[in-house]
Every structure is written in C-alpha cells, then in structure tokens.
Amino acid sequence: MPRFFIDGITNEKQAFITGEDARHISRSLRMKKEDALTVSCGGIDYSCIIKNISDDLVELEVLFFDKCKSEPSIDLTLYQSVPKLDKLELIIQKSVELGVNTIVPVLTRRCVSRPTEKDFEKKLVRYRRIALEAAKQSGRGIIPQVMPIINYDEAIRQMKEHDCAMMLYEQGGVRFSEVDITKTGTVSLLIGSEGGFDESEVLKADEAGIKRIWLGDRILRCETAPLAAVSVTMFLTGNL
C-alpha cells in the first residue's frame, strides 16, 4: 500500500496530502476516490481512503490508526565519517531501512573527502530525499534526519549524552555481545572513513567513555561497517 508522510493531522478522522505528493498520487499513481493508502505522522500510521483528489490536494478519510510497528524501540544515531564519492548515499539509504533515526556526517582526520560546511549543505537536499524515499520503502513511521556535517570534537560531545555510545575500531575492542544495550533508550555508533581513525581520535573517544567495538579480523569497507554494526545493534535490542 502506498505510504506518505505528512506534518500533521487535523483530527482523527480526516487528513490531507498536498504539494508534490498530491501530484504524484494523482498523476503518477493514478489513484482514485475510495483507493486506500497510509499516511504517517510522528510515528503513527493512519490507514485512509481517498475522498477527493486533485493535482494539488488529496483529501483522506481516516479509517483507523495505530503506532507504527516498524519503528525500533531504541533511538539510534549513526555518526559516520565522511567517505569518498557516493558511498554516503548508500549508507544513508540502507541505515534508514535498518532502523537508524539520525545520520550525522563527521569530518575526521583521515577523511579523504573533505567538503566544507557550505559545500556539504548543497548535498543535504539530496541526502534527505534519499532518507525520505528509504523511509517510505521500508515502512518507517518517521523520516530519519540527515544532519549537517560536524567536526570530530562535536561528535564526541554529542555522543557523551547517549545512554550507550560505541566506536567501531579495527585494531581491537570488545565484541557487541560483551556490551549490554538491551535496556538502553539512546544509542550511538561512530564509524570511520576509508582510513579509519587517528590514534588521537581513539584516545579522545576513550576519555569520553565511548566503548571500542571490534567486528573481528576481517577489515570491512567503510560502507559495509555501519550496516553491519546497525544490524547487530538492532538484533541485540530485539528490533531485527
């Protein structure tokens, strides 16, 4: 069933879709009166039928609503060191599908790609569109956020506020099975770029109480590591 996100519900019996999504429903999907679709708002799914439709406005009757069953029980933030080329697009798409709520690009010492904040801002529209489409495809109840790029020190400062903060480190650490994340509310994962982390960055993470996580002897690509880590996190918390 088609799924769309809206900013608000006027009441529990009526909803509206406007703008680009309304045109998509009318022109591309060629939906008609009495056709069914789902709208999501704030983690709640509303099952609806179309009562009136035009290129600019789709009026919906809400049949019933419930908490979105696909939203995970944890609030997971992915702090991803900026990789080269289009790898970040893949990471955003797949991590949203797996249940990440927020993706924060981080500029670390060994990042080969080093965009300025201004240059990165130009790409945010595309990145957020990728997150939106992935959320629709995977049945999410919210649109995960893709944040502006930040520096490493700011990433560490933010991660200290989470219930459980972990850093993937290829040179050693504890395994996921040795970290109790089953009762945590907010979880964060810090993943390196192609060159991994500088030793000084690892020490800063240690000082902040961020746990080093080791995924084994195989060295994963920077676009594979976050997806593996997110998958394991979701599994251990009963969300996969």
Protein backbone atom coordinates (compact mmCIF):
# COMPACT_ATOMS: atom_id res chain seq x y z
CA MET A 1 0.00 0.00 0.00
CA PRO A 2 1.36 3.47 -0.86
CA ARG A 3 2.79 5.36 2.11
CA PHE A 4 3.23 9.11 2.56
CA PHE A 5 4.43 11.37 5.36
CA ILE A 6 2.53 14.44 6.49
CA ASP A 7 3.35 17.14 9.03
CA GLY A 8 0.10 17.00 10.98
CA ILE A 9 -3.39 15.56 11.30
CA THR A 10 -6.31 18.00 11.57
CA ASN A 11 -8.37 15.46 13.50
CA GLU A 12 -8.55 11.69 13.95
CA LYS A 13 -10.98 11.27 11.06
CA GLN A 14 -9.51 13.45 8.32
CA ALA A 15 -6.10 14.10 6.75
CA PHE A 16 -4.74 15.97 3.74
CA ILE A 17 -1.83 15.49 1.35
CA THR A 18 -0.63 18.48 -0.65
CA GLY A 19 2.14 19.56 -2.99
CA GLU A 20 4.44 17.13 -4.78
CA ASP A 21 2.96 14.07 -3.07
CA ALA A 22 -0.56 15.05 -4.15
CA ARG A 23 0.60 15.37 -7.76
CA HIS A 24 2.37 12.01 -7.51
CA ILE A 25 -0.79 10.34 -6.22
CA SER A 26 -2.94 11.93 -8.90
CA ARG A 27 -0.71 11.79 -11.95
CA SER A 28 1.86 9.03 -11.46
CA LEU A 29 -0.03 6.54 -9.31
CA ARG A 30 -3.37 7.47 -10.93
CA MET A 31 -5.19 6.78 -7.69
CA LYS A 32 -8.91 7.49 -7.43
CA LYS A 33 -11.64 8.04 -4.88
CA GLU A 34 -12.01 5.19 -2.38
CA ASP A 35 -8.46 3.93 -3.05
CA ALA A 36 -6.56 3.09 0.13
CA LEU A 37 -3.22 4.47 1.32
CA THR A 38 -1.28 5.03 4.54
CA VAL A 39 -0.04 8.33 5.92
CA SER A 40 2.45 8.55 8.77
CA CYS A 41 2.82 11.40 11.21
CA GLY A 42 5.02 11.36 14.31
CA GLY A 43 5.39 7.59 14.38
CA ILE A 44 1.64 6.94 14.00
CA ASP A 45 0.27 5.17 10.91
CA TYR A 46 -3.13 6.29 9.63
CA SER A 47 -4.96 3.91 7.28
CA CYS A 48 -7.06 6.02 4.94
CA ILE A 49 -9.20 6.08 1.84
CA ILE A 50 -9.28 8.91 -0.68
CA LYS A 51 -12.42 11.05 -0.56
CA ASN A 52 -11.42 13.78 -3.02
CA ILE A 53 -8.38 14.12 -5.24
CA SER A 54 -6.74 16.76 -7.43
CA ASP A 55 -3.22 17.62 -8.52
CA ASP A 56 -2.84 19.97 -5.55
CA LEU A 57 -4.82 18.32 -2.76
CA VAL A 58 -5.80 14.83 -1.68
CA GLU A 59 -8.48 14.66 0.99
CA LEU A 60 -8.45 11.49 3.09
CA GLU A 61 -10.84 9.79 5.45
CA VAL A 62 -9.03 8.10 8.34
CA LEU A 63 -10.37 4.60 8.94
CA PHE A 64 -8.10 3.68 11.86
CA PHE A 65 -4.68 4.48 13.25
CA ASP A 66 -2.02 2.82 15.36
CA LYS A 67 1.61 3.19 16.40
CA CYS A 68 3.92 2.30 13.52
CA LYS A 69 5.08 -1.26 14.12
CA SER A 70 8.28 -0.86 12.11
CA GLU A 71 9.81 1.79 14.38
CA PRO A 72 12.54 0.35 16.65
CA SER A 73 12.41 0.53 20.44
CA ILE A 74 15.75 2.37 20.55
CA ASP A 75 16.76 5.78 19.25
CA LEU A 76 19.88 5.01 17.19
CA THR A 77 22.16 7.74 15.86
CA LEU A 78 24.85 6.93 13.30
CA TYR A 79 27.93 9.18 13.37
CA GLN A 80 29.57 8.44 10.02
CA SER A 81 32.98 9.77 8.99
CA VAL A 82 32.56 11.27 5.53
CA PRO A 83 33.55 8.72 2.83
CA LYS A 84 34.51 9.27 -0.78
CA LEU A 85 32.17 9.55 -3.77
CA ASP A 86 28.60 8.35 -3.39
CA LYS A 87 29.20 5.91 -0.52
CA LEU A 88 27.38 8.16 1.92
CA GLU A 89 24.23 7.88 -0.18
CA LEU A 90 24.30 4.09 0.17
CA ILE A 91 24.96 4.32 3.90
CA ILE A 92 22.02 6.70 4.39
CA GLN A 93 19.62 4.58 2.36
CA LYS A 94 20.44 1.26 4.00
CA SER A 95 20.79 2.55 7.56
CA VAL A 96 17.34 4.14 7.32
CA GLU A 97 15.93 0.82 6.13
CA LEU A 98 17.57 -0.91 9.10
CA GLY A 99 16.12 1.49 11.68
CA VAL A 100 18.55 4.38 12.28
CA ASN A 101 16.80 7.58 13.41
CA THR A 102 19.56 10.11 12.75
CA ILE A 103 22.63 10.16 10.47
CA VAL A 104 25.35 12.65 11.39
CA PRO A 105 28.25 13.07 8.91
CA VAL A 106 31.54 13.69 10.73
CA LEU A 107 34.79 15.14 9.40
CA THR A 108 37.65 13.13 10.91
CA ARG A 109 41.41 13.38 10.38
CA ARG A 110 41.68 10.56 7.85
CA CYS A 111 38.71 11.52 5.70
CA VAL A 112 39.89 11.64 2.08
CA SER A 113 36.79 13.59 1.11
CA ARG A 114 36.87 16.91 2.97
CA PRO A 115 33.89 19.05 1.94
CA THR A 116 33.37 22.43 3.54
CA GLU A 117 30.18 23.02 5.52
CA LYS A 118 28.92 25.18 2.64
CA ASP A 119 29.65 22.52 0.00
CA PHE A 120 28.08 19.80 2.13
CA GLU A 121 24.99 21.92 2.68
CA LYS A 122 24.35 21.79 -1.08
CA LYS A 123 24.17 17.98 -0.94
CA LEU A 124 21.86 17.82 2.07
CA VAL A 125 18.71 18.17 -0.03
CA ARG A 126 19.63 15.04 -1.98
CA TYR A 127 20.70 13.12 1.14
CA ARG A 128 17.44 13.96 2.88
CA ARG A 129 15.48 12.91 -0.18
CA ILE A 130 17.25 9.55 -0.09
CA ALA A 131 16.29 9.18 3.58
CA LEU A 132 12.67 10.05 2.78
CA GLU A 133 12.40 7.50 -0.04
CA ALA A 134 14.08 4.81 2.09
CA ALA A 135 11.64 5.54 4.93
CA LYS A 136 8.68 5.15 2.58
CA GLN A 137 10.04 1.94 1.07
CA SER A 138 10.78 0.30 4.42
CA GLY A 139 7.54 1.32 6.12
CA ARG A 140 9.06 3.66 8.68
CA GLY A 141 6.79 5.79 10.84
CA ILE A 142 9.16 8.78 10.80
CA ILE A 143 11.56 10.34 8.33
CA PRO A 144 15.05 9.86 9.80
CA GLN A 145 17.13 13.02 9.90
CA VAL A 146 20.33 13.62 7.95
CA MET A 147 22.19 16.35 9.79
CA PRO A 148 24.74 18.93 8.59
CA ILE A 149 28.40 17.92 8.77
CA ILE A 150 30.16 18.37 12.12
CA ASN A 151 33.74 18.04 13.38
CA TYR A 152 35.03 15.17 15.46
CA ASP A 153 35.07 17.01 18.78
CA GLU A 154 31.41 17.94 18.40
CA ALA A 155 30.54 14.34 17.56
CA ILE A 156 32.24 13.14 20.76
CA ARG A 157 30.44 15.80 22.79
CA GLN A 158 27.05 14.70 21.43
CA MET A 159 27.75 11.00 21.90
CA LYS A 160 28.53 11.50 25.59
CA GLU A 161 24.85 12.36 26.07
CA HIS A 162 23.64 8.97 24.83
CA ASP A 163 22.86 6.00 27.06
CA CYS A 164 25.26 3.81 25.10
CA ALA A 165 27.97 5.19 22.78
CA MET A 166 30.15 2.88 20.69
CA MET A 167 33.00 3.31 18.25
CA LEU A 168 33.96 0.70 15.67
CA TYR A 169 37.71 0.16 15.81
CA GLU A 170 39.52 -2.35 13.65
CA GLN A 171 42.52 -2.65 15.98
CA GLY A 172 40.67 -4.08 18.93
CA GLY A 173 37.98 -3.62 21.49
CA VAL A 174 35.10 -5.62 22.92
CA ARG A 175 32.57 -7.51 20.84
CA PHE A 176 28.96 -6.42 20.62
CA SER A 177 27.99 -9.44 22.71
CA GLU A 178 30.01 -8.01 25.61
CA VAL A 179 28.06 -4.74 25.70
CA ASP A 180 24.64 -4.67 27.35
CA ILE A 181 22.46 -2.49 25.14
CA THR A 182 19.20 -4.33 25.75
CA LYS A 183 17.78 -1.72 28.13
CA THR A 184 19.14 1.45 26.56
CA GLY A 185 17.00 4.21 25.07
CA THR A 186 19.53 6.23 23.08
CA VAL A 187 22.38 4.50 21.27
CA SER A 188 25.10 5.97 19.05
CA LEU A 189 27.60 4.38 16.68
CA LEU A 190 30.75 6.11 15.42
CA ILE A 191 32.17 4.70 12.18
CA GLY A 192 35.42 5.66 10.44
CA SER A 193 36.06 6.56 6.82
CA GLU A 194 38.31 4.64 4.43
CA GLY A 195 41.40 5.37 6.54
CA GLY A 196 39.85 4.56 9.89
CA PHE A 197 40.59 6.67 12.96
CA ASP A 198 43.72 8.52 14.00
CA GLU A 199 45.18 7.31 17.32
CA SER A 200 44.49 10.68 18.96
CA GLU A 201 40.83 10.37 17.97
CA VAL A 202 40.61 6.93 19.55
CA LEU A 203 42.09 8.30 22.79
CA LYS A 204 39.54 11.14 22.83
CA ALA A 205 36.75 8.61 22.48
CA ASP A 206 38.23 6.55 25.32
CA GLU A 207 38.37 9.61 27.58
CA ALA A 208 34.71 10.34 26.79
CA GLY A 209 33.67 6.84 27.85
CA ILE A 210 32.83 5.67 24.34
CA LYS A 211 33.22 1.92 24.04
CA ARG A 212 35.54 0.46 21.40
CA ILE A 213 33.77 -2.25 19.40
CA TRP A 214 35.65 -4.85 17.37
CA LEU A 215 33.95 -6.67 14.49
CA GLY A 216 36.61 -9.35 14.08
CA ASP A 217 39.70 -9.91 11.97
CA ARG A 218 38.07 -9.11 8.64
CA ILE A 219 38.51 -5.48 7.61
CA LEU A 220 35.19 -4.13 6.36
CA ARG A 221 34.80 -1.31 3.87
CA CYS A 222 33.59 1.98 5.31
CA GLU A 223 30.19 1.48 3.66
CA THR A 224 29.88 -2.09 4.97
CA ALA A 225 30.89 -1.47 8.59
CA PRO A 226 27.97 0.82 9.54
CA LEU A 227 25.41 -1.52 8.05
CA ALA A 228 26.89 -4.48 9.91
CA ALA A 229 27.01 -2.52 13.17
CA VAL A 230 23.46 -1.21 12.83
CA SER A 231 22.18 -4.71 12.02
CA VAL A 232 23.86 -6.22 15.08
CA THR A 233 22.59 -3.39 17.30
CA MET A 234 19.03 -3.89 16.06
CA PHE A 235 19.29 -7.65 16.58
CA LEU A 236 20.61 -7.38 20.13
CA THR A 237 17.84 -4.96 21.11
CA GLY A 238 15.10 -7.16 19.64
CA ASN A 239 14.46 -4.93 16.65
CA LEU A 240 15.56 -7.33 13.92
